[in-house]
Amino acid sequence: MYSTLAPSEQILPSLSNINHPIEGISLLIILAVLFRWKWPTTWNRILKILSAEVK
């Protein structure tokens, strides 16, 4: 069945049900992989911003 809720309204309730750190970490990894697949240049810019300076 098709839901009329926006994607954020579907995802946010499931995020509040995270009960274990490993569950949260795995969700973050899945979101990162999906974000990297969809927007690779933006992902690379974010990683460059977060990276430490090489001396």
PDB file of N, CA and C in Angstrom:
ATOM      1  N   MET A   1       0.834  -1.172   0.000  1.00  0.00           N
ATOM      2  CA  MET A   1       0.000   0.000   0.000  1.00  0.00           C
ATOM      3  C   MET A   1       0.889   1.249   0.000  1.00  0.00           C
ATOM      4  N   TYR A   2       0.484   2.272  -0.694  1.00  0.00           N
ATOM      5  CA  TYR A   2       1.240   3.506  -0.808  1.00  0.00           C
ATOM      6  C   TYR A   2       0.899   4.433   0.350  1.00  0.00           C
ATOM      7  N   SER A   3       1.930   4.976   0.984  1.00  0.00           N
ATOM      8  CA  SER A   3       1.727   5.886   2.109  1.00  0.00           C
ATOM      9  C   SER A   3       1.731   7.328   1.611  1.00  0.00           C
ATOM     10  N   THR A   4       0.879   8.164   2.190  1.00  0.00           N
ATOM     11  CA  THR A   4       0.819   9.566   1.799  1.00  0.00           C
ATOM     12  C   THR A   4       1.746  10.424   2.654  1.00  0.00           C
ATOM     13  N   LEU A   5       2.435   9.813   3.625  1.00  0.00           N
ATOM     14  CA  LEU A   5       3.354  10.562   4.475  1.00  0.00           C
ATOM     15  C   LEU A   5       4.628  10.902   3.707  1.00  0.00           C
ATOM     16  N   ALA A   6       5.230  12.039   4.059  1.00  0.00           N
ATOM     17  CA  ALA A   6       6.506  12.415   3.472  1.00  0.00           C
ATOM     18  C   ALA A   6       7.578  11.447   3.976  1.00  0.00           C
ATOM     19  N   PRO A   7       8.668  11.266   3.215  1.00  0.00           N
ATOM     20  CA  PRO A   7       9.716  10.337   3.655  1.00  0.00           C
ATOM     21  C   PRO A   7      10.266  10.647   5.038  1.00  0.00           C
ATOM     22  N   SER A   8      10.419  11.940   5.359  1.00  0.00           N
ATOM     23  CA  SER A   8      10.937  12.285   6.686  1.00  0.00           C
ATOM     24  C   SER A   8       9.951  11.897   7.788  1.00  0.00           C
ATOM     25  N   GLU A   9       8.662  11.964   7.500  1.00  0.00           N
ATOM     26  CA  GLU A   9       7.660  11.560   8.490  1.00  0.00           C
ATOM     27  C   GLU A   9       7.626  10.047   8.667  1.00  0.00           C
ATOM     28  N   GLN A  10       8.092   9.307   7.668  1.00  0.00           N
ATOM     29  CA  GLN A  10       8.157   7.855   7.773  1.00  0.00           C
ATOM     30  C   GLN A  10       9.418   7.405   8.497  1.00  0.00           C
ATOM     31  N   ILE A  11      10.532   8.122   8.298  1.00  0.00           N
ATOM     32  CA  ILE A  11      11.822   7.723   8.855  1.00  0.00           C
ATOM     33  C   ILE A  11      11.967   8.147  10.317  1.00  0.00           C
ATOM     34  N   LEU A  12      11.539   9.350  10.652  1.00  0.00           N
ATOM     35  CA  LEU A  12      11.773   9.873  12.003  1.00  0.00           C
ATOM     36  C   LEU A  12      11.194   9.011  13.122  1.00  0.00           C
ATOM     37  N   PRO A  13      10.006   8.460  13.013  1.00  0.00           N
ATOM     38  CA  PRO A  13       9.531   7.587  14.100  1.00  0.00           C
ATOM     39  C   PRO A  13      10.415   6.357  14.292  1.00  0.00           C
ATOM     40  N   SER A  14      10.970   5.814  13.216  1.00  0.00           N
ATOM     41  CA  SER A  14      11.834   4.645  13.364  1.00  0.00           C
ATOM     42  C   SER A  14      13.167   5.021  14.007  1.00  0.00           C
ATOM     43  N   LEU A  15      13.627   6.264  13.805  1.00  0.00           N
ATOM     44  CA  LEU A  15      14.869   6.702  14.439  1.00  0.00           C
ATOM     45  C   LEU A  15      14.722   6.831  15.945  1.00  0.00           C
ATOM     46  N   SER A  16      13.546   7.154  16.416  1.00  0.00           N
ATOM     47  CA  SER A  16      13.344   7.297  17.859  1.00  0.00           C
ATOM     48  C   SER A  16      13.226   5.948  18.556  1.00  0.00           C
ATOM     49  N   ASN A  17      13.158   4.857  17.799  1.00  0.00           N
ATOM     50  CA  ASN A  17      13.049   3.528  18.379  1.00  0.00           C
ATOM     51  C   ASN A  17      14.383   2.808  18.479  1.00  0.00           C
ATOM     52  N   ILE A  18      15.502   3.494  18.264  1.00  0.00           N
ATOM     53  CA  ILE A  18      16.815   2.857  18.348  1.00  0.00           C
ATOM     54  C   ILE A  18      17.109   2.585  19.821  1.00  0.00           C
ATOM     55  N   ASN A  19      17.359   1.304  20.130  1.00  0.00           N
ATOM     56  CA  ASN A  19      17.556   0.902  21.522  1.00  0.00           C
ATOM     57  C   ASN A  19      18.977   0.484  21.854  1.00  0.00           C
ATOM     58  N   HIS A  20      19.817   0.302  20.865  1.00  0.00           N
ATOM     59  CA  HIS A  20      21.152  -0.220  21.118  1.00  0.00           C
ATOM     60  C   HIS A  20      22.162   0.559  20.278  1.00  0.00           C
ATOM     61  N   PRO A  21      23.369   0.809  20.814  1.00  0.00           N
ATOM     62  CA  PRO A  21      24.365   1.564  20.043  1.00  0.00           C
ATOM     63  C   PRO A  21      24.729   0.924  18.704  1.00  0.00           C
ATOM     64  N   ILE A  22      24.797  -0.396  18.657  1.00  0.00           N
ATOM     65  CA  ILE A  22      25.142  -1.062  17.394  1.00  0.00           C
ATOM     66  C   ILE A  22      24.048  -0.833  16.359  1.00  0.00           C
ATOM     67  N   GLU A  23      22.821  -0.797  16.799  1.00  0.00           N
ATOM     68  CA  GLU A  23      21.699  -0.516  15.900  1.00  0.00           C
ATOM     69  C   GLU A  23      21.821   0.894  15.325  1.00  0.00           C
ATOM     70  N   GLY A  24      22.185   1.845  16.170  1.00  0.00           N
ATOM     71  CA  GLY A  24      22.356   3.221  15.715  1.00  0.00           C
ATOM     72  C   GLY A  24      23.526   3.374  14.769  1.00  0.00           C
ATOM     73  N   ILE A  25      24.637   2.703  15.091  1.00  0.00           N
ATOM     74  CA  ILE A  25      25.820   2.770  14.237  1.00  0.00           C
ATOM     75  C   ILE A  25      25.530   2.158  12.872  1.00  0.00           C
ATOM     76  N   SER A  26      24.847   1.021  12.865  1.00  0.00           N
ATOM     77  CA  SER A  26      24.532   0.388  11.576  1.00  0.00           C
ATOM     78  C   SER A  26      23.607   1.273  10.742  1.00  0.00           C
ATOM     79  N   LEU A  27      22.680   1.952  11.387  1.00  0.00           N
ATOM     80  CA  LEU A  27      21.797   2.869  10.661  1.00  0.00           C
ATOM     81  C   LEU A  27      22.589   4.031  10.070  1.00  0.00           C
ATOM     82  N   LEU A  28      23.541   4.570  10.836  1.00  0.00           N
ATOM     83  CA  LEU A  28      24.372   5.656  10.320  1.00  0.00           C
ATOM     84  C   LEU A  28      25.212   5.197   9.128  1.00  0.00           C
ATOM     85  N   ILE A  29      25.732   3.986   9.185  1.00  0.00           N
ATOM     86  CA  ILE A  29      26.526   3.459   8.074  1.00  0.00           C
ATOM     87  C   ILE A  29      25.663   3.302   6.827  1.00  0.00           C
ATOM     88  N   ILE A  30      24.460   2.776   7.001  1.00  0.00           N
ATOM     89  CA  ILE A  30      23.553   2.617   5.857  1.00  0.00           C
ATOM     90  C   ILE A  30      23.200   3.978   5.251  1.00  0.00           C
ATOM     91  N   LEU A  31      22.916   4.950   6.099  1.00  0.00           N
ATOM     92  CA  LEU A  31      22.600   6.296   5.600  1.00  0.00           C
ATOM     93  C   LEU A  31      23.800   6.903   4.873  1.00  0.00           C
ATOM     94  N   ALA A  32      25.006   6.688   5.405  1.00  0.00           N
ATOM     95  CA  ALA A  32      26.210   7.223   4.758  1.00  0.00           C
ATOM     96  C   ALA A  32      26.430   6.583   3.396  1.00  0.00           C
ATOM     97  N   VAL A  33      26.229   5.272   3.300  1.00  0.00           N
ATOM     98  CA  VAL A  33      26.405   4.583   2.014  1.00  0.00           C
ATOM     99  C   VAL A  33      25.385   5.086   0.996  1.00  0.00           C
ATOM    100  N   LEU A  34      24.147   5.243   1.428  1.00  0.00           N
ATOM    101  CA  LEU A  34      23.124   5.747   0.515  1.00  0.00           C
ATOM    102  C   LEU A  34      23.416   7.182   0.085  1.00  0.00           C
ATOM    103  N   PHE A  35      23.867   8.019   1.016  1.00  0.00           N
ATOM    104  CA  PHE A  35      24.196   9.410   0.700  1.00  0.00           C
ATOM    105  C   PHE A  35      25.370   9.466  -0.267  1.00  0.00           C
ATOM    106  N   ARG A  36      26.392   8.628  -0.022  1.00  0.00           N
ATOM    107  CA  ARG A  36      27.575   8.592  -0.900  1.00  0.00           C
ATOM    108  C   ARG A  36      27.200   8.123  -2.298  1.00  0.00           C
ATOM    109  N   TRP A  37      26.290   7.166  -2.378  1.00  0.00           N
ATOM    110  CA  TRP A  37      25.865   6.658  -3.681  1.00  0.00           C
ATOM    111  C   TRP A  37      25.079   7.715  -4.459  1.00  0.00           C
ATOM    112  N   LYS A  38      24.224   8.462  -3.763  1.00  0.00           N
ATOM    113  CA  LYS A  38      23.350   9.437  -4.429  1.00  0.00           C
ATOM    114  C   LYS A  38      24.088  10.746  -4.752  1.00  0.00           C
ATOM    115  N   TRP A  39      24.924  11.233  -3.822  1.00  0.00           N
ATOM    116  CA  TRP A  39      25.611  12.515  -3.989  1.00  0.00           C
ATOM    117  C   TRP A  39      27.108  12.357  -3.706  1.00  0.00           C
ATOM    118  N   PRO A  40      27.870  11.748  -4.617  1.00  0.00           N
ATOM    119  CA  PRO A  40      29.288  11.475  -4.335  1.00  0.00           C
ATOM    120  C   PRO A  40      30.152  12.732  -4.192  1.00  0.00           C
ATOM    121  N   THR A  41      29.913  13.779  -4.984  1.00  0.00           N
ATOM    122  CA  THR A  41      30.751  14.972  -4.864  1.00  0.00           C
ATOM    123  C   THR A  41      30.490  15.705  -3.553  1.00  0.00           C
ATOM    124  N   THR A  42      29.250  15.770  -3.147  1.00  0.00           N
ATOM    125  CA  THR A  42      28.925  16.394  -1.862  1.00  0.00           C
ATOM    126  C   THR A  42      29.540  15.594  -0.722  1.00  0.00           C
ATOM    127  N   TRP A  43      29.489  14.269  -0.824  1.00  0.00           N
ATOM    128  CA  TRP A  43      30.077  13.404   0.199  1.00  0.00           C
ATOM    129  C   TRP A  43      31.584  13.668   0.314  1.00  0.00           C
ATOM    130  N   ASN A  44      32.268  13.791  -0.832  1.00  0.00           N
ATOM    131  CA  ASN A  44      33.703  14.054  -0.805  1.00  0.00           C
ATOM    132  C   ASN A  44      34.013  15.410  -0.193  1.00  0.00           C
ATOM    133  N   ARG A  45      33.185  16.412  -0.467  1.00  0.00           N
ATOM    134  CA  ARG A  45      33.385  17.734   0.149  1.00  0.00           C
ATOM    135  C   ARG A  45      33.215  17.671   1.665  1.00  0.00           C
ATOM    136  N   ILE A  46      32.218  16.924   2.127  1.00  0.00           N
ATOM    137  CA  ILE A  46      31.998  16.773   3.572  1.00  0.00           C
ATOM    138  C   ILE A  46      33.208  16.100   4.217  1.00  0.00           C
ATOM    139  N   LEU A  47      33.732  15.059   3.586  1.00  0.00           N
ATOM    140  CA  LEU A  47      34.900  14.377   4.133  1.00  0.00           C
ATOM    141  C   LEU A  47      36.123  15.281   4.155  1.00  0.00           C
ATOM    142  N   LYS A  48      36.280  16.134   3.127  1.00  0.00           N
ATOM    143  CA  LYS A  48      37.398  17.068   3.118  1.00  0.00           C
ATOM    144  C   LYS A  48      37.286  18.084   4.252  1.00  0.00           C
ATOM    145  N   ILE A  49      36.071  18.549   4.524  1.00  0.00           N
ATOM    146  CA  ILE A  49      35.844  19.498   5.615  1.00  0.00           C
ATOM    147  C   ILE A  49      36.170  18.857   6.952  1.00  0.00           C
ATOM    148  N   LEU A  50      35.817  17.605   7.126  1.00  0.00           N
ATOM    149  CA  LEU A  50      36.017  16.909   8.395  1.00  0.00           C
ATOM    150  C   LEU A  50      37.422  16.376   8.595  1.00  0.00           C
ATOM    151  N   SER A  51      38.204  16.286   7.528  1.00  0.00           N
ATOM    152  CA  SER A  51      39.526  15.670   7.636  1.00  0.00           C
ATOM    153  C   SER A  51      40.508  16.577   8.379  1.00  0.00           C
ATOM    154  N   ALA A  52      41.493  15.929   8.999  1.00  0.00           N
ATOM    155  CA  ALA A  52      42.538  16.652   9.713  1.00  0.00           C
ATOM    156  C   ALA A  52      43.617  17.083   8.728  1.00  0.00           C
ATOM    157  N   GLU A  53      44.320  18.138   9.090  1.00  0.00           N
ATOM    158  CA  GLU A  53      45.401  18.637   8.252  1.00  0.00           C
ATOM    159  C   GLU A  53      46.582  17.685   8.306  1.00  0.00           C
ATOM    160  N   VAL A  54      47.188  17.432   7.149  1.00  0.00           N
ATOM    161  CA  VAL A  54      48.374  16.586   7.096  1.00  0.00           C
ATOM    162  C   VAL A  54      49.598  17.472   7.254  1.00  0.00           C
ATOM    163  N   LYS A  55      50.484  17.090   8.202  1.00  0.00           N
ATOM    164  CA  LYS A  55      51.681  17.906   8.447  1.00  0.00           C
ATOM    165  C   LYS A  55      52.892  17.274   7.826  1.00  0.00           C
TER     166      LYS A  55
END
